[in-house]
PDB file of all heavy atoms in Angstrom:
ATOM      1  N   ASN A   1     -27.320  42.393 -71.549  1.00  0.00           N
ATOM      2  CA  ASN A   1     -27.234  40.937 -71.544  1.00  0.00           C
ATOM      3  C   ASN A   1     -27.505  40.409 -72.950  1.00  0.00           C
ATOM      4  O   ASN A   1     -27.831  41.168 -73.863  1.00  0.00           O
ATOM      5  CB  ASN A   1     -28.202  40.333 -70.514  1.00  0.00           C
ATOM      6  CG  ASN A   1     -29.647  40.705 -70.780  1.00  0.00           C
ATOM      7  OD1 ASN A   1     -30.105  40.700 -71.917  1.00  0.00           O
ATOM      8  ND2 ASN A   1     -30.377  41.023 -69.722  1.00  0.00           N
ATOM      9  N   GLU A   2     -27.355  39.119 -73.109  1.00  0.00           N
ATOM     10  CA  GLU A   2     -27.487  38.497 -74.435  1.00  0.00           C
ATOM     11  C   GLU A   2     -28.873  38.710 -75.049  1.00  0.00           C
ATOM     12  O   GLU A   2     -29.006  38.954 -76.247  1.00  0.00           O
ATOM     13  CB  GLU A   2     -27.184  37.005 -74.319  1.00  0.00           C
ATOM     14  CG  GLU A   2     -26.970  36.334 -75.656  1.00  0.00           C
ATOM     15  CD  GLU A   2     -26.510  34.900 -75.507  1.00  0.00           C
ATOM     16  OE1 GLU A   2     -25.683  34.616 -74.614  1.00  0.00           O
ATOM     17  OE2 GLU A   2     -26.983  34.072 -76.294  1.00  0.00           O
ATOM     18  N   LYS A   3     -29.902  38.629 -74.221  1.00  0.00           N
ATOM     19  CA  LYS A   3     -31.276  38.814 -74.712  1.00  0.00           C
ATOM     20  C   LYS A   3     -31.461  40.221 -75.287  1.00  0.00           C
ATOM     21  O   LYS A   3     -32.062  40.401 -76.352  1.00  0.00           O
ATOM     22  CB  LYS A   3     -32.266  38.568 -73.575  1.00  0.00           C
ATOM     23  CG  LYS A   3     -33.705  38.765 -73.974  1.00  0.00           C
ATOM     24  CD  LYS A   3     -34.612  38.549 -72.775  1.00  0.00           C
ATOM     25  CE  LYS A   3     -36.046  38.881 -73.129  1.00  0.00           C
ATOM     26  NZ  LYS A   3     -36.933  38.812 -71.973  1.00  0.00           N
ATOM     27  N   LEU A   4     -30.940  41.226 -74.591  1.00  0.00           N
ATOM     28  CA  LEU A   4     -31.066  42.596 -75.070  1.00  0.00           C
ATOM     29  C   LEU A   4     -30.209  42.846 -76.305  1.00  0.00           C
ATOM     30  O   LEU A   4     -30.594  43.618 -77.179  1.00  0.00           O
ATOM     31  CB  LEU A   4     -30.725  43.576 -73.954  1.00  0.00           C
ATOM     32  CG  LEU A   4     -31.730  43.616 -72.804  1.00  0.00           C
ATOM     33  CD1 LEU A   4     -31.232  44.529 -71.690  1.00  0.00           C
ATOM     34  CD2 LEU A   4     -33.101  44.047 -73.286  1.00  0.00           C
ATOM     35  N   VAL A   5     -29.064  42.192 -76.401  1.00  0.00           N
ATOM     36  CA  VAL A   5     -28.240  42.307 -77.606  1.00  0.00           C
ATOM     37  C   VAL A   5     -29.015  41.759 -78.802  1.00  0.00           C
ATOM     38  O   VAL A   5     -29.056  42.384 -79.866  1.00  0.00           O
ATOM     39  CB  VAL A   5     -26.887  41.573 -77.442  1.00  0.00           C
ATOM     40  CG1 VAL A   5     -26.149  41.483 -78.771  1.00  0.00           C
ATOM     41  CG2 VAL A   5     -26.021  42.271 -76.404  1.00  0.00           C
ATOM     42  N   GLU A   6     -29.660  40.622 -78.617  1.00  0.00           N
ATOM     43  CA  GLU A   6     -30.477  40.041 -79.696  1.00  0.00           C
ATOM     44  C   GLU A   6     -31.604  40.988 -80.090  1.00  0.00           C
ATOM     45  O   GLU A   6     -31.904  41.157 -81.269  1.00  0.00           O
ATOM     46  CB  GLU A   6     -31.037  38.682 -79.279  1.00  0.00           C
ATOM     47  CG  GLU A   6     -30.013  37.582 -79.251  1.00  0.00           C
ATOM     48  CD  GLU A   6     -29.329  37.372 -80.590  1.00  0.00           C
ATOM     49  OE1 GLU A   6     -30.004  37.371 -81.643  1.00  0.00           O
ATOM     50  OE2 GLU A   6     -28.094  37.214 -80.597  1.00  0.00           O
ATOM     51  N   ARG A   7     -32.243  41.605 -79.098  1.00  0.00           N
ATOM     52  CA  ARG A   7     -33.319  42.549 -79.387  1.00  0.00           C
ATOM     53  C   ARG A   7     -32.783  43.742 -80.164  1.00  0.00           C
ATOM     54  O   ARG A   7     -33.409  44.213 -81.108  1.00  0.00           O
ATOM     55  CB  ARG A   7     -33.991  43.008 -78.096  1.00  0.00           C
ATOM     56  CG  ARG A   7     -35.206  43.876 -78.364  1.00  0.00           C
ATOM     57  CD  ARG A   7     -35.965  44.220 -77.113  1.00  0.00           C
ATOM     58  NE  ARG A   7     -36.483  43.012 -76.501  1.00  0.00           N
ATOM     59  CZ  ARG A   7     -36.758  42.888 -75.211  1.00  0.00           C
ATOM     60  NH1 ARG A   7     -36.565  43.906 -74.394  1.00  0.00           N
ATOM     61  NH2 ARG A   7     -37.236  41.767 -74.724  1.00  0.00           N
ATOM     62  N   GLY A   8     -31.605  44.233 -79.782  1.00  0.00           N
ATOM     63  CA  GLY A   8     -30.992  45.344 -80.495  1.00  0.00           C
ATOM     64  C   GLY A   8     -30.693  44.998 -81.946  1.00  0.00           C
ATOM     65  O   GLY A   8     -30.932  45.804 -82.847  1.00  0.00           O
ATOM     66  N   ILE A   9     -30.197  43.804 -82.166  1.00  0.00           N
ATOM     67  CA  ILE A   9     -29.916  43.345 -83.535  1.00  0.00           C
ATOM     68  C   ILE A   9     -31.207  43.283 -84.339  1.00  0.00           C
ATOM     69  O   ILE A   9     -31.271  43.754 -85.482  1.00  0.00           O
ATOM     70  CB  ILE A   9     -29.204  41.976 -83.517  1.00  0.00           C
ATOM     71  CG1 ILE A   9     -27.795  42.122 -82.948  1.00  0.00           C
ATOM     72  CG2 ILE A   9     -29.151  41.367 -84.919  1.00  0.00           C
ATOM     73  CD1 ILE A   9     -27.118  40.804 -82.626  1.00  0.00           C
ATOM     74  N   LEU A  10     -32.262  42.721 -83.751  1.00  0.00           N
ATOM     75  CA  LEU A  10     -33.547  42.619 -84.437  1.00  0.00           C
ATOM     76  C   LEU A  10     -34.125  43.995 -84.766  1.00  0.00           C
ATOM     77  O   LEU A  10     -34.698  44.195 -85.838  1.00  0.00           O
ATOM     78  CB  LEU A  10     -34.542  41.813 -83.604  1.00  0.00           C
ATOM     79  CG  LEU A  10     -34.264  40.324 -83.506  1.00  0.00           C
ATOM     80  CD1 LEU A  10     -35.201  39.664 -82.494  1.00  0.00           C
ATOM     81  CD2 LEU A  10     -34.418  39.662 -84.865  1.00  0.00           C
ATOM     82  N   ILE A  11     -33.966  44.932 -83.853  1.00  0.00           N
ATOM     83  CA  ILE A  11     -34.449  46.291 -84.103  1.00  0.00           C
ATOM     84  C   ILE A  11     -33.727  46.896 -85.295  1.00  0.00           C
ATOM     85  O   ILE A  11     -34.347  47.483 -86.184  1.00  0.00           O
ATOM     86  CB  ILE A  11     -34.283  47.159 -82.834  1.00  0.00           C
ATOM     87  CG1 ILE A  11     -35.323  46.744 -81.790  1.00  0.00           C
ATOM     88  CG2 ILE A  11     -34.394  48.642 -83.165  1.00  0.00           C
ATOM     89  CD1 ILE A  11     -35.109  47.378 -80.428  1.00  0.00           C
ATOM     90  N   LEU A  12     -32.411  46.762 -85.330  1.00  0.00           N
ATOM     91  CA  LEU A  12     -31.641  47.309 -86.452  1.00  0.00           C
ATOM     92  C   LEU A  12     -31.991  46.618 -87.763  1.00  0.00           C
ATOM     93  O   LEU A  12     -32.130  47.281 -88.794  1.00  0.00           O
ATOM     94  CB  LEU A  12     -30.143  47.205 -86.172  1.00  0.00           C
ATOM     95  CG  LEU A  12     -29.617  48.088 -85.045  1.00  0.00           C
ATOM     96  CD1 LEU A  12     -28.143  47.808 -84.802  1.00  0.00           C
ATOM     97  CD2 LEU A  12     -29.855  49.551 -85.341  1.00  0.00           C
ATOM     98  N   GLU A  13     -32.134  45.300 -87.718  1.00  0.00           N
ATOM     99  CA  GLU A  13     -32.521  44.572 -88.928  1.00  0.00           C
ATOM    100  C   GLU A  13     -33.842  45.101 -89.468  1.00  0.00           C
ATOM    101  O   GLU A  13     -33.992  45.342 -90.668  1.00  0.00           O
ATOM    102  CB  GLU A  13     -32.681  43.077 -88.628  1.00  0.00           C
ATOM    103  CG  GLU A  13     -31.408  42.305 -88.497  1.00  0.00           C
ATOM    104  CD  GLU A  13     -31.680  40.842 -88.192  1.00  0.00           C
ATOM    105  OE1 GLU A  13     -32.141  40.541 -87.069  1.00  0.00           O
ATOM    106  OE2 GLU A  13     -31.440  40.016 -89.091  1.00  0.00           O
ATOM    107  N   SER A  14     -34.788  45.261 -88.572  1.00  0.00           N
ATOM    108  CA  SER A  14     -36.134  45.674 -88.961  1.00  0.00           C
ATOM    109  C   SER A  14     -36.183  47.123 -89.441  1.00  0.00           C
ATOM    110  O   SER A  14     -36.719  47.410 -90.514  1.00  0.00           O
ATOM    111  CB  SER A  14     -37.073  45.490 -87.767  1.00  0.00           C
ATOM    112  OG  SER A  14     -38.334  46.021 -88.024  1.00  0.00           O
ATOM    113  N   LEU A  15     -35.642  48.034 -88.657  1.00  0.00           N
ATOM    114  CA  LEU A  15     -35.764  49.452 -88.983  1.00  0.00           C
ATOM    115  C   LEU A  15     -34.848  49.904 -90.115  1.00  0.00           C
ATOM    116  O   LEU A  15     -35.210  50.799 -90.873  1.00  0.00           O
ATOM    117  CB  LEU A  15     -35.497  50.299 -87.735  1.00  0.00           C
ATOM    118  CG  LEU A  15     -36.515  50.152 -86.606  1.00  0.00           C
ATOM    119  CD1 LEU A  15     -36.117  51.004 -85.418  1.00  0.00           C
ATOM    120  CD2 LEU A  15     -37.915  50.515 -87.085  1.00  0.00           C
ATOM    121  N   ALA A  16     -33.671  49.319 -90.218  1.00  0.00           N
ATOM    122  CA  ALA A  16     -32.716  49.732 -91.249  1.00  0.00           C
ATOM    123  C   ALA A  16     -32.733  48.805 -92.453  1.00  0.00           C
ATOM    124  O   ALA A  16     -32.023  49.047 -93.428  1.00  0.00           O
ATOM    125  CB  ALA A  16     -31.313  49.808 -90.665  1.00  0.00           C
ATOM    126  N   ASN A  17     -33.516  47.736 -92.351  1.00  0.00           N
ATOM    127  CA  ASN A  17     -33.633  46.778 -93.451  1.00  0.00           C
ATOM    128  C   ASN A  17     -32.262  46.249 -93.883  1.00  0.00           C
ATOM    129  O   ASN A  17     -31.885  46.334 -95.055  1.00  0.00           O
ATOM    130  CB  ASN A  17     -34.384  47.398 -94.628  1.00  0.00           C
ATOM    131  CG  ASN A  17     -34.879  46.335 -95.590  1.00  0.00           C
ATOM    132  OD1 ASN A  17     -35.132  45.207 -95.196  1.00  0.00           O
ATOM    133  ND2 ASN A  17     -35.011  46.694 -96.856  1.00  0.00           N
ATOM    134  N   VAL A  18     -31.511  45.748 -92.898  1.00  0.00           N
ATOM    135  CA  VAL A  18     -30.189  45.179 -93.160  1.00  0.00           C
ATOM    136  C   VAL A  18     -30.149  43.743 -92.656  1.00  0.00           C
ATOM    137  O   VAL A  18     -31.012  43.312 -91.896  1.00  0.00           O
ATOM    138  CB  VAL A  18     -29.064  46.003 -92.481  1.00  0.00           C
ATOM    139  CG1 VAL A  18     -28.989  47.400 -93.066  1.00  0.00           C
ATOM    140  CG2 VAL A  18     -29.244  46.055 -90.977  1.00  0.00           C
ATOM    141  N   SER A  19     -29.130  43.024 -93.061  1.00  0.00           N
ATOM    142  CA  SER A  19     -28.968  41.645 -92.607  1.00  0.00           C
ATOM    143  C   SER A  19     -28.504  41.609 -91.158  1.00  0.00           C
ATOM    144  O   SER A  19     -28.029  42.609 -90.610  1.00  0.00           O
ATOM    145  CB  SER A  19     -27.934  40.923 -93.477  1.00  0.00           C
ATOM    146  OG  SER A  19     -26.644  41.444 -93.213  1.00  0.00           O
ATOM    147  N   ARG A  20     -28.607  40.450 -90.564  1.00  0.00           N
ATOM    148  CA  ARG A  20     -28.162  40.264 -89.182  1.00  0.00           C
ATOM    149  C   ARG A  20     -26.664  40.579 -89.048  1.00  0.00           C
ATOM    150  O   ARG A  20     -26.245  41.225 -88.096  1.00  0.00           O
ATOM    151  CB  ARG A  20     -28.446  38.824 -88.747  1.00  0.00           C
ATOM    152  CG  ARG A  20     -27.935  38.510 -87.355  1.00  0.00           C
ATOM    153  CD  ARG A  20     -28.221  37.070 -86.961  1.00  0.00           C
ATOM    154  NE  ARG A  20     -27.617  36.769 -85.689  1.00  0.00           N
ATOM    155  CZ  ARG A  20     -28.067  37.163 -84.506  1.00  0.00           C
ATOM    156  NH1 ARG A  20     -29.154  37.888 -84.436  1.00  0.00           N
ATOM    157  NH2 ARG A  20     -27.448  36.857 -83.392  1.00  0.00           N
ATOM    158  N   ASP A  21     -25.876  40.126 -90.012  1.00  0.00           N
ATOM    159  CA  ASP A  21     -24.429  40.360 -89.967  1.00  0.00           C
ATOM    160  C   ASP A  21     -24.103  41.852 -90.005  1.00  0.00           C
ATOM    161  O   ASP A  21     -23.250  42.323 -89.256  1.00  0.00           O
ATOM    162  CB  ASP A  21     -23.727  39.643 -91.122  1.00  0.00           C
ATOM    163  CG  ASP A  21     -23.774  38.129 -90.984  1.00  0.00           C
ATOM    164  OD1 ASP A  21     -23.951  37.640 -89.852  1.00  0.00           O
ATOM    165  OD2 ASP A  21     -23.636  37.444 -92.011  1.00  0.00           O
ATOM    166  N   VAL A  22     -24.782  42.581 -90.878  1.00  0.00           N
ATOM    167  CA  VAL A  22     -24.559  44.024 -90.978  1.00  0.00           C
ATOM    168  C   VAL A  22     -24.997  44.707 -89.686  1.00  0.00           C
ATOM    169  O   VAL A  22     -24.293  45.556 -89.149  1.00  0.00           O
ATOM    170  CB  VAL A  22     -25.297  44.622 -92.200  1.00  0.00           C
ATOM    171  CG1 VAL A  22     -25.276  46.143 -92.172  1.00  0.00           C
ATOM    172  CG2 VAL A  22     -24.697  44.104 -93.491  1.00  0.00           C
ATOM    173  N   ALA A  23     -26.156  44.326 -89.176  1.00  0.00           N
ATOM    174  CA  ALA A  23     -26.664  44.915 -87.931  1.00  0.00           C
ATOM    175  C   ALA A  23     -25.683  44.699 -86.787  1.00  0.00           C
ATOM    176  O   ALA A  23     -25.377  45.639 -86.045  1.00  0.00           O
ATOM    177  CB  ALA A  23     -28.028  44.316 -87.589  1.00  0.00           C
ATOM    178  N   LEU A  24     -25.166  43.496 -86.653  1.00  0.00           N
ATOM    179  CA  LEU A  24     -24.224  43.190 -85.574  1.00  0.00           C
ATOM    180  C   LEU A  24     -22.917  43.957 -85.746  1.00  0.00           C
ATOM    181  O   LEU A  24     -22.372  44.506 -84.779  1.00  0.00           O
ATOM    182  CB  LEU A  24     -23.956  41.681 -85.508  1.00  0.00           C
ATOM    183  CG  LEU A  24     -23.007  41.220 -84.407  1.00  0.00           C
ATOM    184  CD1 LEU A  24     -23.506  41.651 -83.024  1.00  0.00           C
ATOM    185  CD2 LEU A  24     -22.842  39.709 -84.457  1.00  0.00           C
ATOM    186  N   GLU A  25     -22.412  44.031 -86.962  1.00  0.00           N
ATOM    187  CA  GLU A  25     -21.161  44.737 -87.223  1.00  0.00           C
ATOM    188  C   GLU A  25     -21.290  46.228 -86.903  1.00  0.00           C
ATOM    189  O   GLU A  25     -20.416  46.811 -86.252  1.00  0.00           O
ATOM    190  CB  GLU A  25     -20.733  44.550 -88.690  1.00  0.00           C
ATOM    191  CG  GLU A  25     -19.363  45.071 -88.996  1.00  0.00           C
ATOM    192  CD  GLU A  25     -18.264  44.376 -88.201  1.00  0.00           C
ATOM    193  OE1 GLU A  25     -18.358  43.165 -87.951  1.00  0.00           O
ATOM    194  OE2 GLU A  25     -17.301  45.080 -87.816  1.00  0.00           O
ATOM    195  N   VAL A  26     -22.385  46.840 -87.348  1.00  0.00           N
ATOM    196  CA  VAL A  26     -22.586  48.268 -87.078  1.00  0.00           C
ATOM    197  C   VAL A  26     -22.812  48.494 -85.588  1.00  0.00           C
ATOM    198  O   VAL A  26     -22.319  49.462 -85.017  1.00  0.00           O
ATOM    199  CB  VAL A  26     -23.746  48.837 -87.923  1.00  0.00           C
ATOM    200  CG1 VAL A  26     -24.068  50.270 -87.530  1.00  0.00           C
ATOM    201  CG2 VAL A  26     -23.398  48.760 -89.396  1.00  0.00           C
ATOM    202  N   LEU A  27     -23.519  47.589 -84.938  1.00  0.00           N
ATOM    203  CA  LEU A  27     -23.746  47.695 -83.499  1.00  0.00           C
ATOM    204  C   LEU A  27     -22.418  47.647 -82.738  1.00  0.00           C
ATOM    205  O   LEU A  27     -22.193  48.428 -81.812  1.00  0.00           O
ATOM    206  CB  LEU A  27     -24.677  46.575 -83.044  1.00  0.00           C
ATOM    207  CG  LEU A  27     -25.325  46.701 -81.673  1.00  0.00           C
ATOM    208  CD1 LEU A  27     -26.068  48.009 -81.525  1.00  0.00           C
ATOM    209  CD2 LEU A  27     -26.258  45.533 -81.441  1.00  0.00           C
ATOM    210  N   LYS A  28     -21.523  46.772 -83.155  1.00  0.00           N
ATOM    211  CA  LYS A  28     -20.197  46.703 -82.531  1.00  0.00           C
ATOM    212  C   LYS A  28     -19.417  47.990 -82.775  1.00  0.00           C
ATOM    213  O   LYS A  28     -18.773  48.512 -81.871  1.00  0.00           O
ATOM    214  CB  LYS A  28     -19.416  45.505 -83.064  1.00  0.00           C
ATOM    215  CG  LYS A  28     -19.896  44.171 -82.536  1.00  0.00           C
ATOM    216  CD  LYS A  28     -19.090  43.035 -83.140  1.00  0.00           C
ATOM    217  CE  LYS A  28     -19.570  41.686 -82.659  1.00  0.00           C
ATOM    218  NZ  LYS A  28     -18.823  40.582 -83.312  1.00  0.00           N
ATOM    219  N   THR A  29     -19.477  48.496 -83.999  1.00  0.00           N
ATOM    220  CA  THR A  29     -18.797  49.746 -84.334  1.00  0.00           C
ATOM    221  C   THR A  29     -19.339  50.897 -83.497  1.00  0.00           C
ATOM    222  O   THR A  29     -18.593  51.789 -83.099  1.00  0.00           O
ATOM    223  CB  THR A  29     -18.978  50.066 -85.837  1.00  0.00           C
ATOM    224  OG1 THR A  29     -18.428  48.998 -86.605  1.00  0.00           O
ATOM    225  CG2 THR A  29     -18.296  51.366 -86.225  1.00  0.00           C
ATOM    226  N   ALA A  30     -20.632  50.851 -83.209  1.00  0.00           N
ATOM    227  CA  ALA A  30     -21.300  51.902 -82.432  1.00  0.00           C
ATOM    228  C   ALA A  30     -21.196  51.668 -80.929  1.00  0.00           C
ATOM    229  O   ALA A  30     -21.988  52.226 -80.163  1.00  0.00           O
ATOM    230  CB  ALA A  30     -22.757  51.990 -82.854  1.00  0.00           C
ATOM    231  N   ASP A  31     -20.273  50.847 -80.517  1.00  0.00           N
ATOM    232  CA  ASP A  31     -20.072  50.537 -79.096  1.00  0.00           C
ATOM    233  C   ASP A  31     -21.333  50.001 -78.434  1.00  0.00           C
ATOM    234  O   ASP A  31     -21.660  50.359 -77.297  1.00  0.00           O
ATOM    235  CB  ASP A  31     -19.553  51.767 -78.335  1.00  0.00           C
ATOM    236  CG  ASP A  31     -18.244  52.281 -78.888  1.00  0.00           C
ATOM    237  OD1 ASP A  31     -17.402  51.447 -79.289  1.00  0.00           O
ATOM    238  OD2 ASP A  31     -18.055  53.512 -78.945  1.00  0.00           O
ATOM    239  N   MET A  32     -22.055  49.174 -79.169  1.00  0.00           N
ATOM    240  CA  MET A  32     -23.278  48.511 -78.690  1.00  0.00           C
ATOM    241  C   MET A  32     -24.381  49.510 -78.328  1.00  0.00           C
ATOM    242  O   MET A  32     -25.214  49.248 -77.474  1.00  0.00           O
ATOM    243  CB  MET A  32     -22.973  47.579 -77.523  1.00  0.00           C
ATOM    244  CG  MET A  32     -21.949  46.502 -77.843  1.00  0.00           C
ATOM    245  SD  MET A  32     -22.333  45.550 -79.337  1.00  0.00           S
ATOM    246  CE  MET A  32     -23.538  44.395 -78.702  1.00  0.00           C
ATOM    247  N   SER A  33     -24.414  50.640 -79.011  1.00  0.00           N
ATOM    248  CA  SER A  33     -25.452  51.654 -78.815  1.00  0.00           C
ATOM    249  C   SER A  33     -26.444  51.568 -79.974  1.00  0.00           C
ATOM    250  O   SER A  33     -26.099  51.878 -81.117  1.00  0.00           O
ATOM    251  CB  SER A  33     -24.832  53.049 -78.769  1.00  0.00           C
ATOM    252  OG  SER A  33     -25.836  54.037 -78.854  1.00  0.00           O
ATOM    253  N   VAL A  34     -27.665  51.158 -79.668  1.00  0.00           N
ATOM    254  CA  VAL A  34     -28.686  51.026 -80.707  1.00  0.00           C
ATOM    255  C   VAL A  34     -28.992  52.375 -81.357  1.00  0.00           C
ATOM    256  O   VAL A  34     -29.035  52.463 -82.591  1.00  0.00           O
ATOM    257  CB  VAL A  34     -29.968  50.353 -80.162  1.00  0.00           C
ATOM    258  CG1 VAL A  34     -31.063  50.335 -81.214  1.00  0.00           C
ATOM    259  CG2 VAL A  34     -29.667  48.936 -79.687  1.00  0.00           C
ATOM    260  N   PRO A  35     -29.189  53.468 -80.597  1.00  0.00           N
ATOM    261  CA  PRO A  35     -29.465  54.750 -81.256  1.00  0.00           C
ATOM    262  C   PRO A  35     -28.330  55.187 -82.189  1.00  0.00           C
ATOM    263  O   PRO A  35     -28.583  55.632 -83.310  1.00  0.00           O
ATOM    264  CB  PRO A  35     -29.620  55.733 -80.094  1.00  0.00           C
ATOM    265  CG  PRO A  35     -29.970  54.904 -78.924  1.00  0.00           C
ATOM    266  CD  PRO A  35     -29.276  53.591 -79.139  1.00  0.00           C
ATOM    267  N   LEU A  36     -27.108  55.036 -81.736  1.00  0.00           N
ATOM    268  CA  LEU A  36     -25.957  55.422 -82.550  1.00  0.00           C
ATOM    269  C   LEU A  36     -25.896  54.582 -83.828  1.00  0.00           C
ATOM    270  O   LEU A  36     -25.717  55.116 -84.923  1.00  0.00           O
ATOM    271  CB  LEU A  36     -24.674  55.249 -81.726  1.00  0.00           C
ATOM    272  CG  LEU A  36     -23.398  55.852 -82.267  1.00  0.00           C
ATOM    273  CD1 LEU A  36     -23.519  57.358 -82.442  1.00  0.00           C
ATOM    274  CD2 LEU A  36     -22.248  55.526 -81.332  1.00  0.00           C
ATOM    275  N   ALA A  37     -26.085  53.288 -83.690  1.00  0.00           N
ATOM    276  CA  ALA A  37     -26.055  52.391 -84.847  1.00  0.00           C
ATOM    277  C   ALA A  37     -27.205  52.688 -85.804  1.00  0.00           C
ATOM    278  O   ALA A  37     -27.024  52.676 -87.025  1.00  0.00           O
ATOM    279  CB  ALA A  37     -26.122  50.935 -84.388  1.00  0.00           C
ATOM    280  N   LEU A  38     -28.376  52.978 -85.264  1.00  0.00           N
ATOM    281  CA  LEU A  38     -29.531  53.254 -86.117  1.00  0.00           C
ATOM    282  C   LEU A  38     -29.328  54.531 -86.929  1.00  0.00           C
ATOM    283  O   LEU A  38     -29.621  54.561 -88.123  1.00  0.00           O
ATOM    284  CB  LEU A  38     -30.802  53.356 -85.265  1.00  0.00           C
ATOM    285  CG  LEU A  38     -32.103  53.512 -86.040  1.00  0.00           C
ATOM    286  CD1 LEU A  38     -32.322  52.340 -87.005  1.00  0.00           C
ATOM    287  CD2 LEU A  38     -33.276  53.608 -85.071  1.00  0.00           C
ATOM    288  N   VAL A  39     -28.793  55.557 -86.290  1.00  0.00           N
ATOM    289  CA  VAL A  39     -28.515  56.794 -87.028  1.00  0.00           C
ATOM    290  C   VAL A  39     -27.455  56.535 -88.093  1.00  0.00           C
ATOM    291  O   VAL A  39     -27.575  57.013 -89.232  1.00  0.00           O
ATOM    292  CB  VAL A  39     -28.091  57.940 -86.075  1.00  0.00           C
ATOM    293  CG1 VAL A  39     -27.655  59.174 -86.868  1.00  0.00           C
ATOM    294  CG2 VAL A  39     -29.226  58.279 -85.119  1.00  0.00           C
ATOM    295  N   MET A  40     -26.438  55.758 -87.764  1.00  0.00           N
ATOM    296  CA  MET A  40     -25.407  55.427 -88.745  1.00  0.00           C
ATOM    297  C   MET A  40     -26.016  54.749 -89.970  1.00  0.00           C
ATOM    298  O   MET A  40     -25.694  55.100 -91.112  1.00  0.00           O
ATOM    299  CB  MET A  40     -24.349  54.500 -88.122  1.00  0.00           C
ATOM    300  CG  MET A  40     -23.455  55.169 -87.110  1.00  0.00           C
ATOM    301  SD  MET A  40     -22.420  53.997 -86.180  1.00  0.00           S
ATOM    302  CE  MET A  40     -21.366  53.350 -87.470  1.00  0.00           C
ATOM    303  N   LEU A  41     -26.901  53.798 -89.734  1.00  0.00           N
ATOM    304  CA  LEU A  41     -27.495  53.036 -90.830  1.00  0.00           C
ATOM    305  C   LEU A  41     -28.520  53.838 -91.629  1.00  0.00           C
ATOM    306  O   LEU A  41     -28.499  53.838 -92.856  1.00  0.00           O
ATOM    307  CB  LEU A  41     -28.141  51.757 -90.293  1.00  0.00           C
ATOM    308  CG  LEU A  41     -27.178  50.675 -89.833  1.00  0.00           C
ATOM    309  CD1 LEU A  41     -27.913  49.604 -89.036  1.00  0.00           C
ATOM    310  CD2 LEU A  41     -26.458  50.056 -91.026  1.00  0.00           C
TER     311      LEU A  41
END
């Protein structure tokens, strides 16, 4: 849901030290998988 998507974006921003736009773009590329996106970043 939208709340969890926001949490996923915040996690990526925080752990990978990237902007919100970058976090969202990588998350989309990773098929909305936080672990996959985090490893990518």
